[in-house]
Amino acid sequence: MPFETDSNGRTFPHDTILIQHGFARNSNHWYHWVPVLSRHYRVIRRDLRGHGYSSYPSVDSDYPYTLDTVLAEIIDMLDHLGIEKVHFFGESTSGMLGEAFATQYPNRLHSLTVCSSPTYLPEAALNMFAFGYSSWPVACRELGPRGWAEELSNLPRTAPIKDPAYIRAEGLSGYAEFLSKMDARPFLKDIQVPTLILAPANSATTKLEEQQKLLQQIPDARMEVVHGEGHEIYVEQPEECQTAFLTFLSDLKRQKMGRG
C-alpha cells in the first residue's frame, strides 16, 4: 500500500477521506464505516461546531456563524494535521458545505461525495423541522438537543434509528440558524472536482427528482441511487453506499495513474 508523509513527518495510507456528518449527528455515527474505508485510506471523522465533542458559542456570543467561518474551520483543521488534500464526504446538510468547499478551496480536494444532500432547505423543510414552534432554531432551543432529535425520529422517511443512544447532539440552535440561510445552488456549476452523488430513493428531506437536478448541474458528476426506507441511507444501506464510494475512488485512482 502506498504511503504519504505529512508536514510533521508522520506517514499514513495514501489519500485521506474526511467525513463530515449532517445536522444533529456527530462523528460517532460513522464509526461503522471506519473498518471498511481504513483498509485503503486514512479516515477522519470531524464534529461540526456545536455537535458531538465540539464547543459551541453561547446565544449572546459574537461568533460569526457564516459560511466563510465554517469552511475556514475545516481548513484550519487540515492545516493543523498537515493534510494538503482530502476526499470530502458530506452527509445531508454537510453536502452543501462540501459543494461550497469545492468551489472556494478546490486545491484542497481530491474529490467530493454528497450523501442524501439537499442544496438548500425550502420553507416546507424549515417548517417541518420547527415542529410547531415559530422557527427551527427556536424548536432546538425549546426542545433541547435530545427532544428535537426525538421529534425528528418520529417523522417518516427521516431518521430510521430508534436507539436513544443514536439520537444526540449539542448546540444545535446556532447551526440551525446558519443552515436556514444556506444555499449551495449558486456553487454547483463551478464545481470542477470529481463528484459522486449518493441519492436516497425515499428521503423526506431531499426527493430523488431534486437529486437528479443536482446531477445535471454539477459538471461531470456521477450518481448512485440507494433504495433505503428514508433519508439516512448510510445507516440503512451502508454496504451499498460504501461499495459505490470505494468504486468511485478506485476509478479516480486508475484515471490518475493512466494520466501519469
Protein backbone atom coordinates (compact mmCIF):
# COMPACT_ATOMS: atom_id res chain seq x y z
CA MET A 1 0.00 0.00 0.00
CA PRO A 2 1.47 3.42 -0.91
CA PHE A 3 2.10 5.87 1.92
CA GLU A 4 2.23 9.65 2.18
CA THR A 5 4.17 11.75 4.67
CA ASP A 6 2.61 14.87 6.18
CA SER A 7 4.39 18.08 7.16
CA ASN A 8 5.15 16.66 10.61
CA GLY A 9 6.89 13.60 9.24
CA ARG A 10 4.04 11.18 10.01
CA THR A 11 3.14 8.54 7.46
CA PHE A 12 -0.33 7.27 6.60
CA PRO A 13 -2.07 5.34 3.83
CA HIS A 14 -2.20 7.28 0.59
CA ASP A 15 -5.11 9.76 0.42
CA THR A 16 -7.33 10.92 3.27
CA ILE A 17 -11.12 10.76 3.49
CA LEU A 18 -12.80 13.49 5.54
CA ILE A 19 -16.31 12.52 6.64
CA GLN A 20 -18.50 15.42 7.70
CA HIS A 21 -21.77 14.43 9.36
CA GLY A 22 -25.04 16.28 8.95
CA PHE A 23 -27.24 18.22 11.35
CA ALA A 24 -28.00 16.74 14.81
CA ARG A 25 -25.46 13.96 14.43
CA ASN A 26 -21.80 13.58 15.31
CA SER A 27 -18.65 11.77 14.24
CA ASN A 28 -19.58 8.62 16.17
CA HIS A 29 -22.43 7.99 13.73
CA TRP A 30 -19.77 6.99 11.18
CA TYR A 31 -17.86 4.56 13.36
CA HIS A 32 -19.22 1.56 11.43
CA TRP A 33 -17.69 2.92 8.21
CA VAL A 34 -14.13 3.13 9.51
CA PRO A 35 -13.10 -0.56 9.25
CA VAL A 36 -14.11 -0.71 5.59
CA LEU A 37 -12.60 2.61 4.48
CA SER A 38 -9.43 2.45 6.57
CA ARG A 39 -8.20 -0.62 4.72
CA HIS A 40 -7.31 1.68 1.86
CA TYR A 41 -7.44 5.26 3.17
CA ARG A 42 -6.76 7.41 6.17
CA VAL A 43 -10.18 8.35 7.64
CA ILE A 44 -11.02 11.48 9.60
CA ARG A 45 -14.44 11.95 11.18
CA ARG A 46 -14.96 15.57 12.22
CA ASP A 47 -17.56 17.02 14.59
CA LEU A 48 -19.33 20.12 13.33
CA ARG A 49 -19.36 23.21 15.52
CA GLY A 50 -21.98 22.65 18.22
CA HIS A 51 -22.11 18.88 17.68
CA GLY A 52 -20.50 15.95 19.44
CA TYR A 53 -17.35 16.98 21.32
CA SER A 54 -17.05 20.34 19.57
CA SER A 55 -17.54 23.52 21.58
CA TYR A 56 -20.35 25.86 20.63
CA PRO A 57 -20.94 29.59 21.16
CA SER A 58 -23.49 30.89 23.64
CA VAL A 59 -26.63 32.65 22.44
CA ASP A 60 -25.16 36.08 23.22
CA SER A 61 -21.80 35.30 21.63
CA ASP A 62 -20.50 37.35 18.70
CA TYR A 63 -19.24 34.19 16.99
CA PRO A 64 -19.86 34.66 13.24
CA TYR A 65 -21.93 31.69 12.06
CA THR A 66 -21.13 32.29 8.39
CA LEU A 67 -20.13 30.05 5.50
CA ASP A 68 -16.66 31.61 5.47
CA THR A 69 -16.20 30.81 9.15
CA VAL A 70 -17.45 27.23 8.89
CA LEU A 71 -15.25 26.46 5.87
CA ALA A 72 -12.24 28.20 7.42
CA GLU A 73 -12.53 25.92 10.45
CA ILE A 74 -12.26 22.88 8.18
CA ILE A 75 -9.19 24.37 6.51
CA ASP A 76 -7.69 25.14 9.91
CA MET A 77 -8.13 21.51 10.97
CA LEU A 78 -6.48 20.23 7.78
CA ASP A 79 -3.60 22.66 8.20
CA HIS A 80 -3.04 21.58 11.80
CA LEU A 81 -2.96 17.95 10.67
CA GLY A 82 -0.61 18.78 7.81
CA ILE A 83 -3.02 17.43 5.19
CA GLU A 84 -2.99 19.11 1.81
CA LYS A 85 -5.93 17.34 0.11
CA VAL A 86 -8.85 15.12 1.09
CA HIS A 87 -11.74 13.21 -0.41
CA PHE A 88 -14.59 15.18 1.17
CA PHE A 89 -17.66 13.12 2.11
CA GLY A 90 -20.56 15.32 3.18
CA GLU A 91 -23.70 13.75 4.59
CA SER A 92 -27.08 15.52 4.38
CA THR A 93 -26.66 19.28 5.00
CA SER A 94 -22.87 18.88 5.07
CA GLY A 95 -23.08 18.02 1.39
CA MET A 96 -23.97 21.70 0.95
CA LEU A 97 -20.78 22.58 2.81
CA GLY A 98 -18.86 20.27 0.51
CA GLU A 99 -20.29 21.93 -2.60
CA ALA A 100 -19.24 25.36 -1.34
CA PHE A 101 -15.86 23.98 -0.24
CA ALA A 102 -15.26 22.55 -3.71
CA THR A 103 -15.61 25.97 -5.32
CA GLN A 104 -13.79 28.03 -2.70
CA TYR A 105 -10.96 25.60 -1.94
CA PRO A 106 -10.72 23.28 -4.96
CA ASN A 107 -6.97 22.83 -4.41
CA ARG A 108 -7.71 21.11 -1.07
CA LEU A 109 -9.89 18.36 -2.57
CA HIS A 110 -9.21 15.15 -4.44
CA SER A 111 -12.95 14.60 -4.83
CA LEU A 112 -16.38 15.41 -3.42
CA THR A 113 -19.09 12.96 -2.40
CA VAL A 114 -22.50 14.13 -1.20
CA CYS A 115 -24.84 11.68 0.52
CA SER A 116 -28.57 12.42 0.93
CA SER A 117 -27.76 16.10 0.46
CA PRO A 118 -30.21 18.86 -0.38
CA THR A 119 -28.83 22.01 -2.00
CA TYR A 120 -30.90 24.26 0.26
CA LEU A 121 -33.70 23.90 2.80
CA PRO A 122 -37.02 25.14 1.38
CA GLU A 123 -39.72 26.70 3.52
CA ALA A 124 -41.56 23.37 3.81
CA ALA A 125 -38.46 21.69 5.28
CA LEU A 126 -37.85 24.57 7.72
CA ASN A 127 -41.48 24.36 8.88
CA MET A 128 -41.21 20.60 9.26
CA PHE A 129 -38.09 20.96 11.43
CA ALA A 130 -39.83 23.62 13.58
CA PHE A 131 -42.33 21.06 14.95
CA GLY A 132 -44.96 23.72 15.60
CA TYR A 133 -42.61 26.33 17.07
CA SER A 134 -42.03 29.71 15.47
CA SER A 135 -38.82 28.55 13.78
CA TRP A 136 -36.36 25.66 13.52
CA PRO A 137 -33.75 27.34 15.79
CA VAL A 138 -36.44 28.11 18.39
CA ALA A 139 -37.55 24.47 18.32
CA CYS A 140 -33.96 23.41 19.01
CA ARG A 141 -33.75 25.79 21.99
CA GLU A 142 -37.13 24.86 23.45
CA LEU A 143 -37.00 21.11 22.93
CA GLY A 144 -33.30 20.72 23.66
CA PRO A 145 -30.98 18.56 21.58
CA ARG A 146 -32.47 15.22 22.55
CA GLY A 147 -36.05 16.43 22.39
CA TRP A 148 -35.61 17.86 18.90
CA ALA A 149 -33.85 14.75 17.62
CA GLU A 150 -36.55 12.52 19.09
CA GLU A 151 -39.22 14.57 17.30
CA LEU A 152 -37.29 14.10 14.06
CA SER A 153 -37.03 10.35 14.57
CA ASN A 154 -40.83 10.13 14.67
CA LEU A 155 -41.20 11.58 11.19
CA PRO A 156 -41.49 9.05 8.36
CA ARG A 157 -38.56 8.72 5.96
CA THR A 158 -36.16 10.77 8.11
CA ALA A 159 -34.19 9.03 10.86
CA PRO A 160 -34.77 5.24 10.81
CA ILE A 161 -32.84 4.51 14.03
CA LYS A 162 -34.86 4.47 17.25
CA ASP A 163 -31.98 3.65 19.64
CA PRO A 164 -31.81 6.58 22.16
CA ALA A 165 -28.01 6.37 22.14
CA TYR A 166 -28.09 7.25 18.46
CA ILE A 167 -30.10 10.42 19.00
CA ARG A 168 -27.76 13.01 20.48
CA ALA A 169 -26.36 16.40 19.60
CA GLU A 170 -25.39 19.67 21.30
CA GLY A 171 -25.62 23.35 20.48
CA LEU A 172 -28.00 22.88 17.58
CA SER A 173 -29.77 26.22 17.57
CA GLY A 174 -26.97 28.39 16.18
CA TYR A 175 -26.13 25.90 13.48
CA ALA A 176 -29.81 25.58 12.57
CA GLU A 177 -29.91 29.35 12.08
CA PHE A 178 -26.89 29.10 9.77
CA LEU A 179 -28.37 26.24 7.74
CA SER A 180 -31.71 28.02 7.40
CA LYS A 181 -29.98 30.57 5.17
CA MET A 182 -27.52 28.24 3.43
CA ASP A 183 -27.99 27.81 -0.32
CA ALA A 184 -25.46 25.79 -2.29
CA ARG A 185 -27.19 26.13 -5.66
CA PRO A 186 -25.02 29.05 -6.89
CA PHE A 187 -21.89 26.92 -6.37
CA LEU A 188 -22.92 23.85 -8.36
CA LYS A 189 -21.98 24.93 -11.88
CA ASP A 190 -18.48 25.89 -10.71
CA ILE A 191 -17.59 22.56 -9.12
CA GLN A 192 -14.64 21.15 -11.01
CA VAL A 193 -13.53 18.30 -8.72
CA PRO A 194 -14.78 14.74 -9.42
CA THR A 195 -18.15 14.38 -7.70
CA LEU A 196 -20.29 11.44 -6.60
CA ILE A 197 -23.91 11.82 -5.55
CA LEU A 198 -25.32 9.10 -3.27
CA ALA A 199 -29.02 9.74 -3.77
CA PRO A 200 -31.68 8.33 -1.43
CA ALA A 201 -34.71 6.99 -3.25
CA ASN A 202 -37.14 7.76 -0.41
CA SER A 203 -35.91 10.72 1.64
CA ALA A 204 -38.39 13.16 3.17
CA THR A 205 -35.72 15.89 3.07
CA THR A 206 -34.47 15.66 -0.50
CA LYS A 207 -36.52 13.99 -3.20
CA LEU A 208 -34.99 11.86 -5.93
CA GLU A 209 -36.11 14.40 -8.53
CA GLU A 210 -34.03 17.04 -6.71
CA GLN A 211 -31.03 14.72 -6.71
CA GLN A 212 -31.39 14.24 -10.45
CA LYS A 213 -31.38 18.03 -10.90
CA LEU A 214 -28.23 18.13 -8.80
CA LEU A 215 -26.62 15.64 -11.17
CA GLN A 216 -27.46 17.84 -14.13
CA GLN A 217 -25.98 20.96 -12.55
CA ILE A 218 -22.59 19.64 -11.39
CA PRO A 219 -20.26 19.15 -14.37
CA ASP A 220 -19.28 15.51 -14.99
CA ALA A 221 -20.82 14.25 -11.74
CA ARG A 222 -21.99 10.66 -11.33
CA MET A 223 -24.93 9.43 -9.24
CA GLU A 224 -25.83 6.20 -7.49
CA VAL A 225 -29.43 5.78 -6.30
CA VAL A 226 -29.67 3.93 -2.99
CA HIS A 227 -33.00 2.30 -2.19
CA GLY A 228 -33.41 2.70 1.55
CA GLU A 229 -36.56 3.48 3.51
CA GLY A 230 -35.63 7.07 4.33
CA HIS A 231 -33.00 9.77 4.49
CA GLU A 232 -30.13 8.09 6.34
CA ILE A 233 -29.03 5.64 3.69
CA TYR A 234 -25.53 5.49 5.14
CA VAL A 235 -27.07 3.65 8.12
CA GLU A 236 -29.79 1.68 6.33
CA GLN A 237 -27.70 0.58 3.35
CA PRO A 238 -24.07 1.01 4.45
CA GLU A 239 -22.62 -1.75 2.24
CA GLU A 240 -24.26 -0.34 -0.89
CA CYS A 241 -23.09 3.19 -0.08
CA GLN A 242 -19.57 2.05 0.80
CA THR A 243 -19.24 -0.01 -2.37
CA ALA A 244 -20.35 2.91 -4.55
CA PHE A 245 -17.99 5.28 -2.75
CA LEU A 246 -14.96 2.99 -2.89
CA THR A 247 -15.62 2.17 -6.55
CA PHE A 248 -15.74 5.90 -7.29
CA LEU A 249 -12.39 6.45 -5.53
CA SER A 250 -10.82 3.45 -7.25
CA ASP A 251 -11.90 4.74 -10.65
CA LEU A 252 -10.33 8.12 -9.85
CA LYS A 253 -7.12 6.41 -8.84
CA ARG A 254 -6.97 4.42 -12.08
CA GLN A 255 -7.60 7.56 -14.11
CA LYS A 256 -4.82 9.37 -12.25
CA MET A 257 -2.39 6.51 -12.85
CA GLY A 258 -3.39 6.41 -16.53
CA ARG A 259 -2.60 10.10 -16.90
CA GLY A 260 0.72 9.57 -15.12
